Amino acid sequence: MPSTSIKRLFTDTGLRWLWLTLLCLILDQVTKQMVAGSFNLYESISILPIFSLTYVHNLGAAFSFLADQGGWQRWFFTAIAAIASIVFTVWLAKTPRSQTMLSIAFALMLSGAMGNLIDRVLFGYVIDFLDFHWSGKHFPAFNVADSMIFIGAALMILDSFTSESEDSM
């Protein structure tokens, strides 16, 4: 009987989207290793007038927040990413199968949190390489994991506006 419960957990909840988490996590890690293996640190290749691949290490969080600190931020952001990964997994397990957009949002955010967590644990920094710029101004470089977090958060917000309120039922 316990195997039936586990099977149901992976078919009747948001956990059925873990394949998407794994796919995005692999994409994130493969692209980071391709850049790290092919570029020297800070090397940049222009792809479009507004986009370059630029290999950088981010010691901080979004927009290099706290990157200039003495090293304690590595463990702080590692802990945050680990906790976020656990929270997203629990939310996936508690999200009913019928809430597809919300489940996909959690799956994407989980992949992003795990992707950056892996980097922090292995290297002490996050590998970033997607570099958008305009008129000499560069936005902070980011990676596939960051993109998945952003897309997941956007889907979560969109879902909050499009799903029916439980109070109205």
Protein backbone atom coordinates (compact mmCIF):
# COMPACT_ATOMS: atom_id res chain seq x y z
CA MET A 1 0.00 0.00 0.00
CA PRO A 2 2.76 2.58 0.69
CA SER A 3 3.90 2.39 -2.96
CA THR A 4 0.36 3.37 -4.03
CA SER A 5 0.57 6.46 -1.80
CA ILE A 6 3.93 7.43 -3.25
CA LYS A 7 2.69 6.88 -6.80
CA ARG A 8 -0.35 9.02 -6.06
CA LEU A 9 1.89 11.74 -4.63
CA PHE A 10 3.76 11.92 -7.95
CA THR A 11 0.66 11.75 -10.15
CA ASP A 12 -1.97 13.71 -8.24
CA THR A 13 0.16 16.68 -7.12
CA GLY A 14 2.54 19.22 -8.55
CA LEU A 15 5.37 16.72 -8.07
CA ARG A 16 4.38 15.34 -11.47
CA TRP A 17 6.33 18.34 -12.84
CA LEU A 18 9.65 17.29 -11.28
CA TRP A 19 10.76 16.16 -14.75
CA LEU A 20 10.64 19.85 -15.75
CA THR A 21 12.74 20.76 -12.72
CA LEU A 22 15.32 18.14 -13.69
CA LEU A 23 15.35 19.22 -17.36
CA CYS A 24 15.88 22.89 -16.47
CA LEU A 25 18.49 21.99 -13.85
CA ILE A 26 20.46 19.98 -16.42
CA LEU A 27 20.18 22.82 -18.96
CA ASP A 28 21.45 25.27 -16.34
CA GLN A 29 24.41 23.16 -15.28
CA VAL A 30 25.41 22.18 -18.83
CA THR A 31 25.35 25.79 -20.06
CA LYS A 32 27.35 27.00 -17.05
CA GLN A 33 29.99 24.30 -17.57
CA MET A 34 30.16 25.02 -21.31
CA VAL A 35 30.85 28.68 -20.59
CA ALA A 36 33.31 27.98 -17.76
CA GLY A 37 35.13 25.44 -19.95
CA SER A 38 35.25 27.62 -23.07
CA PHE A 39 35.78 31.15 -21.73
CA ASN A 40 38.35 32.84 -19.58
CA LEU A 41 36.91 34.74 -16.64
CA TYR A 42 35.45 38.07 -17.88
CA GLU A 43 35.82 37.01 -21.52
CA SER A 44 32.93 38.19 -23.65
CA ILE A 45 31.60 37.34 -27.09
CA SER A 46 29.07 39.64 -28.73
CA ILE A 47 26.09 37.72 -30.11
CA LEU A 48 23.73 40.61 -30.91
CA PRO A 49 24.11 44.39 -30.60
CA ILE A 50 22.32 44.17 -27.22
CA PHE A 51 23.46 40.71 -26.04
CA SER A 52 26.78 39.06 -25.23
CA LEU A 53 27.96 35.91 -23.55
CA THR A 54 30.22 37.13 -20.74
CA TYR A 55 31.71 34.75 -18.18
CA VAL A 56 31.56 36.16 -14.64
CA HIS A 57 31.47 34.84 -11.08
CA ASN A 58 28.75 36.21 -8.83
CA LEU A 59 29.74 36.00 -5.17
CA GLY A 60 26.51 37.67 -4.08
CA ALA A 61 22.85 37.33 -4.88
CA ALA A 62 20.69 39.08 -7.48
CA PHE A 63 22.47 42.08 -9.01
CA SER A 64 25.62 41.01 -7.07
CA PHE A 65 23.99 42.00 -3.78
CA LEU A 66 26.55 41.55 -0.95
CA ALA A 67 29.20 40.32 -3.43
CA ASP A 68 31.86 42.54 -1.85
CA GLN A 69 31.57 41.00 1.63
CA GLY A 70 34.24 38.86 3.26
CA GLY A 71 32.91 35.43 2.27
CA TRP A 72 30.18 34.83 4.84
CA GLN A 73 27.59 35.54 2.15
CA ARG A 74 28.48 32.24 0.43
CA TRP A 75 27.01 30.25 3.31
CA PHE A 76 24.16 32.68 3.85
CA PHE A 77 22.98 32.40 0.22
CA THR A 78 23.67 28.65 0.25
CA ALA A 79 21.32 28.29 3.22
CA ILE A 80 18.67 30.46 1.56
CA ALA A 81 18.83 28.38 -1.64
CA ALA A 82 18.64 25.12 0.32
CA ILE A 83 15.63 26.33 2.33
CA ALA A 84 13.95 27.65 -0.84
CA SER A 85 14.48 24.26 -2.52
CA ILE A 86 12.81 22.49 0.38
CA VAL A 87 9.93 24.98 0.44
CA PHE A 88 9.32 24.68 -3.34
CA THR A 89 9.36 20.88 -3.09
CA VAL A 90 6.83 20.92 -0.23
CA TRP A 91 4.64 23.37 -2.16
CA LEU A 92 4.80 21.10 -5.21
CA ALA A 93 3.71 18.14 -3.07
CA LYS A 94 0.78 20.14 -1.68
CA THR A 95 -0.37 21.62 -4.97
CA PRO A 96 -3.27 19.71 -6.55
CA ARG A 97 -2.83 18.30 -10.05
CA SER A 98 -5.48 20.71 -11.35
CA GLN A 99 -3.27 23.75 -10.60
CA THR A 100 -0.99 23.31 -13.58
CA MET A 101 0.39 26.85 -13.88
CA LEU A 102 1.21 27.06 -10.19
CA SER A 103 2.89 23.64 -10.30
CA ILE A 104 5.01 24.66 -13.28
CA ALA A 105 5.94 27.88 -11.48
CA PHE A 106 7.14 25.97 -8.41
CA ALA A 107 9.00 23.44 -10.59
CA LEU A 108 10.86 26.23 -12.42
CA MET A 109 11.72 28.10 -9.24
CA LEU A 110 12.94 24.84 -7.70
CA SER A 111 15.25 24.22 -10.65
CA GLY A 112 16.66 27.73 -10.38
CA ALA A 113 17.23 27.54 -6.64
CA MET A 114 18.91 24.15 -7.01
CA GLY A 115 21.05 25.27 -9.95
CA ASN A 116 22.49 28.21 -8.05
CA LEU A 117 22.76 26.11 -4.87
CA ILE A 118 24.96 23.61 -6.70
CA ASP A 119 27.27 26.42 -7.85
CA ARG A 120 27.57 27.93 -4.38
CA VAL A 121 28.35 24.58 -2.77
CA LEU A 122 30.87 23.50 -5.43
CA PHE A 123 32.56 26.80 -6.26
CA GLY A 124 31.58 29.43 -3.69
CA TYR A 125 30.04 31.61 -6.41
CA VAL A 126 27.40 31.40 -9.12
CA ILE A 127 28.44 31.24 -12.77
CA ASP A 128 26.68 33.95 -14.78
CA PHE A 129 27.03 34.58 -18.51
CA LEU A 130 23.89 36.08 -20.07
CA ASP A 131 24.79 39.74 -20.55
CA PHE A 132 22.26 42.23 -21.93
CA HIS A 133 23.39 45.80 -22.60
CA TRP A 134 22.14 48.99 -24.18
CA SER A 135 24.01 52.22 -24.98
CA GLY A 136 27.05 51.12 -22.98
CA LYS A 137 24.98 50.20 -19.92
CA HIS A 138 25.07 46.56 -18.83
CA PHE A 139 22.34 44.85 -16.88
CA PRO A 140 23.76 42.44 -14.30
CA ALA A 141 24.73 39.16 -15.96
CA PHE A 142 22.59 36.16 -15.10
CA ASN A 143 22.17 32.47 -16.00
CA VAL A 144 19.54 29.87 -16.89
CA ALA A 145 18.76 29.23 -13.20
CA ASP A 146 18.03 32.92 -12.64
CA SER A 147 15.81 32.89 -15.73
CA MET A 148 13.84 29.92 -14.38
CA ILE A 149 13.33 31.69 -11.04
CA PHE A 150 12.10 34.80 -12.86
CA ILE A 151 9.76 32.88 -15.20
CA GLY A 152 8.45 30.80 -12.28
CA ALA A 153 7.77 33.91 -10.20
CA ALA A 154 6.02 35.56 -13.16
CA LEU A 155 3.85 32.46 -13.66
CA MET A 156 3.04 32.41 -9.95
CA ILE A 157 1.92 36.04 -10.08
CA LEU A 158 -0.07 35.40 -13.26
CA ASP A 159 -1.69 32.38 -11.62
CA SER A 160 -2.76 34.51 -8.66
CA PHE A 161 -4.71 36.75 -11.05
CA THR A 162 -6.17 34.01 -13.25
CA SER A 163 -7.12 31.22 -10.85
CA GLU A 164 -10.44 31.24 -9.07
CA SER A 165 -10.40 32.27 -5.46
CA GLU A 166 -11.19 29.47 -3.01
CA ASP A 167 -13.27 31.99 -1.05
CA SER A 168 -15.69 32.37 -3.97
CA MET A 169 -16.49 28.65 -4.07
